[in-house]
C-alpha cells in the first residue's frame, strides 16, 4: 500500500498519524482511569456501632471503608472512593449495639451521575 504514496507525501502524513494515534491512546487511558465517586450510605438507625464495606469487581478486592460509632451512628455516611469505571459489588457488614451482625450486598456502577445513595435497611 505504501507504493501508492510517494515518499514526500508519507513524510507529511506521518505526524498526522502519530497525533491521531496518541489521541486514541490518550482517550482509552482516560476512559479507564480511576475517578472519585461519591457514595452515600443511609444507615438504619442510631444503634449501629460499626460499618464495614469492601468494594470488589467479583474477583479482585479494590478497597473499602470501616467506621466505628461508639456514640451512635449518623443517619447518613458519605464516602468518596477512587474507582475505575465498571460494576462493583459491595459487601457490607453492620454491627448493632447489641452485637448482632448484619451482612448486606449491593452493587454500584462507576462512574455515575452525582452521588449514589445506598440504603442499608430492610434485610436481616
N, C-alpha and C. Protein backbone atom coordinates (compact mmCIF):
# COMPACT_ATOMS: atom_id res chain seq x y z
N UNK A 1 0.82 -1.18 0.00
CA UNK A 1 0.00 0.00 0.00
C UNK A 1 0.86 1.25 0.00
N UNK A 2 2.05 1.17 0.57
CA UNK A 2 2.93 2.33 0.61
C UNK A 2 3.40 2.75 -0.79
N UNK A 3 3.36 1.85 -1.72
CA UNK A 3 3.82 2.20 -3.07
C UNK A 3 2.90 3.23 -3.73
N UNK A 4 1.65 3.37 -3.22
CA UNK A 4 0.71 4.33 -3.80
C UNK A 4 0.98 5.75 -3.33
N UNK A 5 1.74 5.89 -2.25
CA UNK A 5 2.06 7.21 -1.73
C UNK A 5 3.54 7.49 -1.94
N UNK A 6 3.87 8.58 -2.57
CA UNK A 6 5.29 8.93 -2.72
C UNK A 6 5.91 9.21 -1.36
N UNK A 7 7.23 9.10 -1.27
CA UNK A 7 7.96 9.27 -0.01
C UNK A 7 7.70 10.64 0.61
N UNK A 8 7.63 11.67 -0.21
CA UNK A 8 7.39 13.02 0.33
C UNK A 8 6.02 13.12 1.00
N UNK A 9 5.04 12.53 0.39
CA UNK A 9 3.68 12.56 0.97
C UNK A 9 3.62 11.74 2.26
N UNK A 10 4.31 10.62 2.30
CA UNK A 10 4.36 9.81 3.52
C UNK A 10 4.98 10.60 4.66
N UNK A 11 6.04 11.36 4.36
CA UNK A 11 6.69 12.18 5.41
C UNK A 11 5.74 13.25 5.93
N UNK A 12 4.90 13.82 5.07
CA UNK A 12 3.95 14.84 5.51
C UNK A 12 2.81 14.22 6.32
N UNK A 13 2.41 13.02 5.99
CA UNK A 13 1.30 12.37 6.68
C UNK A 13 1.72 11.71 7.99
N UNK A 14 2.97 11.39 8.16
CA UNK A 14 3.45 10.68 9.35
C UNK A 14 3.10 11.42 10.64
N UNK A 15 3.34 12.75 10.76
CA UNK A 15 2.96 13.44 12.00
C UNK A 15 1.45 13.39 12.27
N UNK A 16 0.64 13.44 11.23
CA UNK A 16 -0.81 13.36 11.39
C UNK A 16 -1.21 12.00 12.00
N UNK A 17 -0.63 10.92 11.49
CA UNK A 17 -0.93 9.60 12.02
C UNK A 17 -0.40 9.44 13.45
N UNK A 18 0.74 10.05 13.74
CA UNK A 18 1.29 10.00 15.09
C UNK A 18 0.36 10.70 16.08
N UNK A 19 -0.10 11.89 15.73
CA UNK A 19 -1.01 12.64 16.61
C UNK A 19 -2.33 11.89 16.77
N UNK A 20 -2.86 11.34 15.69
CA UNK A 20 -4.11 10.58 15.77
C UNK A 20 -3.94 9.37 16.69
N UNK A 21 -2.83 8.67 16.57
CA UNK A 21 -2.57 7.52 17.44
C UNK A 21 -2.46 7.91 18.90
N UNK A 22 -1.77 9.01 19.16
CA UNK A 22 -1.64 9.48 20.55
C UNK A 22 -2.99 9.89 21.13
N UNK A 23 -3.84 10.51 20.32
CA UNK A 23 -5.18 10.89 20.79
C UNK A 23 -6.01 9.65 21.13
N UNK A 24 -5.92 8.64 20.31
CA UNK A 24 -6.68 7.41 20.57
C UNK A 24 -6.19 6.73 21.85
N UNK A 25 -4.88 6.62 22.02
CA UNK A 25 -4.33 6.01 23.23
C UNK A 25 -4.70 6.84 24.46
N UNK A 26 -4.61 8.17 24.34
CA UNK A 26 -4.99 9.05 25.46
C UNK A 26 -6.44 8.89 25.86
N UNK A 27 -7.33 8.78 24.88
CA UNK A 27 -8.77 8.59 25.16
C UNK A 27 -9.01 7.26 25.85
N UNK A 28 -8.38 6.19 25.38
CA UNK A 28 -8.55 4.88 26.01
C UNK A 28 -8.03 4.88 27.44
N UNK A 29 -6.90 5.54 27.66
CA UNK A 29 -6.32 5.62 29.01
C UNK A 29 -7.24 6.42 29.93
N UNK A 30 -7.76 7.54 29.45
CA UNK A 30 -8.65 8.37 30.26
C UNK A 30 -9.92 7.60 30.63
N UNK A 31 -10.47 6.86 29.69
CA UNK A 31 -11.71 6.12 29.96
C UNK A 31 -11.54 5.10 31.07
N UNK A 32 -10.35 4.55 31.25
CA UNK A 32 -10.11 3.53 32.27
C UNK A 32 -9.49 4.08 33.55
N UNK A 33 -9.22 5.37 33.59
CA UNK A 33 -8.59 5.98 34.77
C UNK A 33 -9.55 6.01 35.95
N UNK A 34 -9.06 5.75 37.16
CA UNK A 34 -9.91 5.84 38.35
C UNK A 34 -10.47 7.25 38.52
N UNK A 35 -11.69 7.32 39.04
CA UNK A 35 -12.31 8.61 39.31
C UNK A 35 -13.05 8.54 40.63
N UNK A 36 -13.18 9.69 41.26
CA UNK A 36 -13.88 9.76 42.55
C UNK A 36 -15.37 9.58 42.33
N UNK A 37 -15.98 8.74 43.15
CA UNK A 37 -17.43 8.52 43.11
C UNK A 37 -17.98 8.68 44.51
N UNK A 38 -18.89 9.60 44.68
CA UNK A 38 -19.48 9.83 46.00
C UNK A 38 -20.54 8.77 46.28
N UNK A 39 -20.37 8.07 47.39
CA UNK A 39 -21.33 7.06 47.84
C UNK A 39 -21.91 7.54 49.17
N UNK A 40 -23.23 7.55 49.27
CA UNK A 40 -23.91 7.98 50.49
C UNK A 40 -24.63 6.77 51.10
N UNK A 41 -24.14 6.33 52.23
CA UNK A 41 -24.73 5.18 52.93
C UNK A 41 -25.80 5.68 53.88
N UNK A 42 -27.04 5.22 53.69
CA UNK A 42 -28.17 5.58 54.54
C UNK A 42 -28.31 4.50 55.61
N UNK A 43 -27.88 4.82 56.81
CA UNK A 43 -27.85 3.84 57.90
C UNK A 43 -29.24 3.66 58.50
N UNK A 44 -29.53 2.45 59.03
CA UNK A 44 -30.88 2.15 59.51
C UNK A 44 -31.28 2.84 60.80
N UNK A 45 -30.35 3.31 61.58
CA UNK A 45 -30.70 3.97 62.84
C UNK A 45 -29.46 4.29 63.63
N UNK A 46 -29.65 4.89 64.79
CA UNK A 46 -28.50 5.32 65.59
C UNK A 46 -27.91 4.17 66.42
N UNK A 47 -28.50 2.98 66.35
CA UNK A 47 -27.98 1.86 67.14
C UNK A 47 -26.88 1.08 66.42
N UNK A 48 -26.40 1.56 65.27
CA UNK A 48 -25.30 0.91 64.56
C UNK A 48 -23.99 1.30 65.23
N UNK A 49 -23.21 0.30 65.62
CA UNK A 49 -21.93 0.55 66.29
C UNK A 49 -20.76 0.58 65.32
N UNK A 50 -20.86 -0.16 64.21
CA UNK A 50 -19.77 -0.14 63.23
C UNK A 50 -20.30 -0.51 61.85
N UNK A 51 -19.58 -0.04 60.86
CA UNK A 51 -19.90 -0.30 59.46
C UNK A 51 -18.60 -0.69 58.76
N UNK A 52 -18.66 -1.79 58.00
CA UNK A 52 -17.52 -2.23 57.20
C UNK A 52 -18.02 -2.51 55.79
N UNK A 53 -17.34 -1.93 54.80
CA UNK A 53 -17.71 -2.10 53.39
C UNK A 53 -16.45 -2.46 52.61
N UNK A 54 -16.56 -3.46 51.73
CA UNK A 54 -15.46 -3.77 50.82
C UNK A 54 -15.99 -3.69 49.39
N UNK A 55 -15.16 -3.14 48.51
CA UNK A 55 -15.50 -2.97 47.10
C UNK A 55 -14.74 -4.02 46.29
N UNK A 56 -15.45 -4.75 45.44
CA UNK A 56 -14.79 -5.72 44.56
C UNK A 56 -15.52 -5.76 43.23
N UNK A 57 -14.84 -6.28 42.23
CA UNK A 57 -15.48 -6.47 40.92
C UNK A 57 -15.92 -7.91 40.73
N UNK A 58 -16.00 -8.65 41.80
CA UNK A 58 -16.37 -10.06 41.74
C UNK A 58 -15.17 -10.97 41.88
N UNK A 59 -14.00 -10.49 41.44
CA UNK A 59 -12.79 -11.29 41.52
C UNK A 59 -11.73 -10.62 42.37
N UNK A 60 -11.56 -9.33 42.19
CA UNK A 60 -10.47 -8.61 42.84
C UNK A 60 -11.02 -7.58 43.83
N UNK A 61 -10.40 -7.52 44.99
CA UNK A 61 -10.77 -6.56 46.02
C UNK A 61 -10.11 -5.22 45.73
N UNK A 62 -10.90 -4.13 45.76
CA UNK A 62 -10.37 -2.82 45.42
C UNK A 62 -10.24 -1.87 46.60
N UNK A 63 -10.70 -2.22 47.74
CA UNK A 63 -10.59 -1.34 48.89
C UNK A 63 -11.85 -1.40 49.71
N UNK A 64 -12.00 -0.43 50.59
CA UNK A 64 -13.17 -0.44 51.42
C UNK A 64 -13.22 0.70 52.40
N UNK A 65 -14.05 0.51 53.38
CA UNK A 65 -14.34 1.53 54.36
C UNK A 65 -14.67 0.84 55.67
N UNK A 66 -14.17 1.37 56.77
CA UNK A 66 -14.53 0.85 58.08
C UNK A 66 -14.68 2.03 59.02
N UNK A 67 -15.85 2.12 59.66
CA UNK A 67 -16.12 3.20 60.60
C UNK A 67 -16.75 2.61 61.86
N UNK A 68 -16.40 3.19 62.99
CA UNK A 68 -16.98 2.81 64.28
C UNK A 68 -17.71 4.02 64.84
N UNK A 69 -18.84 3.76 65.49
CA UNK A 69 -19.67 4.81 66.05
C UNK A 69 -19.95 4.51 67.52
N UNK A 70 -19.02 4.81 68.42
CA UNK A 70 -19.23 4.48 69.83
C UNK A 70 -20.36 5.28 70.47
N UNK A 71 -20.66 6.46 69.93
CA UNK A 71 -21.71 7.31 70.49
C UNK A 71 -22.98 7.31 69.65
N UNK A 72 -23.15 6.33 68.80
CA UNK A 72 -24.32 6.26 67.93
C UNK A 72 -23.98 6.72 66.53
N UNK A 73 -24.62 6.11 65.54
CA UNK A 73 -24.29 6.38 64.15
C UNK A 73 -25.10 7.55 63.59
N UNK A 74 -24.57 8.21 62.57
CA UNK A 74 -25.34 9.24 61.88
C UNK A 74 -26.37 8.57 60.97
N UNK A 75 -27.31 9.33 60.46
CA UNK A 75 -28.30 8.77 59.53
C UNK A 75 -27.67 8.50 58.17
N UNK A 76 -26.65 9.30 57.82
CA UNK A 76 -26.02 9.16 56.51
C UNK A 76 -24.51 9.30 56.64
N UNK A 77 -23.79 8.44 55.93
CA UNK A 77 -22.33 8.49 55.93
C UNK A 77 -21.88 8.63 54.49
N UNK A 78 -21.02 9.62 54.22
CA UNK A 78 -20.54 9.88 52.86
C UNK A 78 -19.11 9.37 52.73
N UNK A 79 -18.88 8.61 51.66
CA UNK A 79 -17.53 8.10 51.36
C UNK A 79 -17.29 8.33 49.87
N UNK A 80 -16.08 8.77 49.51
CA UNK A 80 -15.75 9.06 48.12
C UNK A 80 -14.51 8.26 47.71
N UNK A 81 -14.71 6.99 47.33
CA UNK A 81 -13.56 6.20 46.88
C UNK A 81 -13.18 6.55 45.45
N UNK A 82 -11.96 6.27 45.09
CA UNK A 82 -11.47 6.45 43.72
C UNK A 82 -11.46 5.08 43.05
N UNK A 83 -12.38 4.90 42.09
CA UNK A 83 -12.56 3.59 41.45
C UNK A 83 -12.53 3.74 39.93
N UNK A 84 -12.01 2.74 39.25
CA UNK A 84 -12.05 2.70 37.79
C UNK A 84 -13.48 2.44 37.34
N UNK A 85 -13.83 2.85 36.13
CA UNK A 85 -15.19 2.60 35.63
C UNK A 85 -15.53 1.11 35.62
N UNK A 86 -16.77 0.80 35.98
CA UNK A 86 -17.23 -0.59 35.96
C UNK A 86 -18.29 -0.84 37.02
N UNK A 87 -18.70 -2.11 37.13
CA UNK A 87 -19.66 -2.54 38.15
C UNK A 87 -18.87 -3.04 39.36
N UNK A 88 -19.33 -2.67 40.54
CA UNK A 88 -18.68 -3.13 41.77
C UNK A 88 -19.72 -3.74 42.70
N UNK A 89 -19.30 -4.82 43.36
CA UNK A 89 -20.12 -5.43 44.41
C UNK A 89 -19.63 -4.88 45.74
N UNK A 90 -20.58 -4.51 46.57
CA UNK A 90 -20.26 -4.02 47.91
C UNK A 90 -20.67 -5.09 48.91
N UNK A 91 -19.73 -5.55 49.70
CA UNK A 91 -20.02 -6.47 50.80
C UNK A 91 -20.07 -5.60 52.06
N UNK A 92 -21.23 -5.54 52.69
CA UNK A 92 -21.47 -4.61 53.80
C UNK A 92 -21.74 -5.40 55.06
N UNK A 93 -21.13 -4.96 56.14
CA UNK A 93 -21.31 -5.59 57.45
C UNK A 93 -21.66 -4.49 58.46
N UNK A 94 -22.85 -4.60 59.04
CA UNK A 94 -23.30 -3.67 60.07
C UNK A 94 -23.31 -4.39 61.42
N UNK A 95 -22.77 -3.74 62.44
CA UNK A 95 -22.81 -4.31 63.78
C UNK A 95 -23.67 -3.40 64.64
N UNK A 96 -24.72 -3.98 65.22
CA UNK A 96 -25.63 -3.21 66.07
C UNK A 96 -25.11 -3.07 67.49
N UNK A 97 -25.79 -2.25 68.27
CA UNK A 97 -25.37 -2.02 69.65
C UNK A 97 -25.50 -3.27 70.51
N UNK A 98 -26.35 -4.22 70.09
CA UNK A 98 -26.50 -5.48 70.82
C UNK A 98 -25.50 -6.53 70.37
N UNK A 99 -24.60 -6.18 69.43
CA UNK A 99 -23.58 -7.12 68.94
C UNK A 99 -24.02 -7.92 67.73
N UNK A 100 -25.29 -7.78 67.33
CA UNK A 100 -25.80 -8.51 66.17
C UNK A 100 -25.15 -7.97 64.89
N UNK A 101 -24.68 -8.89 64.04
CA UNK A 101 -24.03 -8.51 62.79
C UNK A 101 -24.97 -8.80 61.63
N UNK A 102 -25.14 -7.80 60.76
CA UNK A 102 -25.98 -7.93 59.57
C UNK A 102 -25.10 -7.83 58.34
N UNK A 103 -25.23 -8.79 57.43
CA UNK A 103 -24.46 -8.80 56.18
C UNK A 103 -25.39 -8.42 55.04
N UNK A 104 -24.96 -7.45 54.25
CA UNK A 104 -25.73 -6.99 53.09
C UNK A 104 -24.82 -6.98 51.87
N UNK A 105 -25.42 -7.00 50.71
CA UNK A 105 -24.64 -6.82 49.48
C UNK A 105 -25.41 -5.87 48.56
N UNK A 106 -24.67 -5.01 47.91
CA UNK A 106 -25.23 -4.05 46.97
C UNK A 106 -24.29 -3.97 45.77
N UNK A 107 -24.78 -3.42 44.67
CA UNK A 107 -23.93 -3.19 43.51
C UNK A 107 -24.02 -1.71 43.12
N UNK A 108 -22.93 -1.19 42.59
CA UNK A 108 -22.90 0.19 42.09
C UNK A 108 -22.20 0.20 40.74
N UNK A 109 -22.55 1.18 39.94
CA UNK A 109 -21.93 1.42 38.65
C UNK A 109 -21.10 2.70 38.74
N UNK A 110 -19.84 2.63 38.36
CA UNK A 110 -18.94 3.79 38.37
C UNK A 110 -18.51 4.03 36.93
N UNK A 111 -18.54 5.24 36.41
CA UNK A 111 -19.00 6.47 37.06
C UNK A 111 -20.51 6.54 37.03
N UNK A 112 -21.03 7.40 37.89
CA UNK A 112 -22.46 7.59 37.99
C UNK A 112 -22.72 9.09 38.06
N UNK A 113 -23.85 9.51 37.54
CA UNK A 113 -24.22 10.92 37.63
C UNK A 113 -24.53 11.26 39.08
N UNK A 114 -23.75 12.12 39.67
CA UNK A 114 -23.99 12.54 41.04
C UNK A 114 -23.68 11.45 42.04
N UNK A 115 -24.18 11.66 43.25
CA UNK A 115 -23.93 10.72 44.35
C UNK A 115 -24.83 9.50 44.23
N UNK A 116 -24.31 8.36 44.65
CA UNK A 116 -25.08 7.12 44.70
C UNK A 116 -25.55 6.92 46.14
N UNK A 117 -26.85 6.79 46.31
CA UNK A 117 -27.42 6.57 47.65
C UNK A 117 -27.63 5.07 47.84
N UNK A 118 -27.09 4.56 48.94
CA UNK A 118 -27.16 3.13 49.23
C UNK A 118 -27.90 2.94 50.54
N UNK A 119 -29.09 2.41 50.46
CA UNK A 119 -29.93 2.19 51.63
C UNK A 119 -29.53 0.89 52.30
N UNK A 120 -29.26 0.96 53.60
CA UNK A 120 -28.78 -0.21 54.36
C UNK A 120 -29.86 -0.71 55.32
N UNK A 121 -31.09 -0.73 54.87
CA UNK A 121 -32.18 -1.19 55.72
C UNK A 121 -32.93 -2.31 55.03
N UNK A 122 -33.78 -2.97 55.79
CA UNK A 122 -34.70 -3.94 55.21
C UNK A 122 -34.27 -5.38 55.29
N UNK A 123 -32.98 -5.68 55.28
CA UNK A 123 -32.53 -7.07 55.30
C UNK A 123 -31.92 -7.41 56.64
N UNK A 124 -32.14 -8.62 57.08
CA UNK A 124 -31.52 -9.10 58.35
C UNK A 124 -31.00 -10.49 58.13
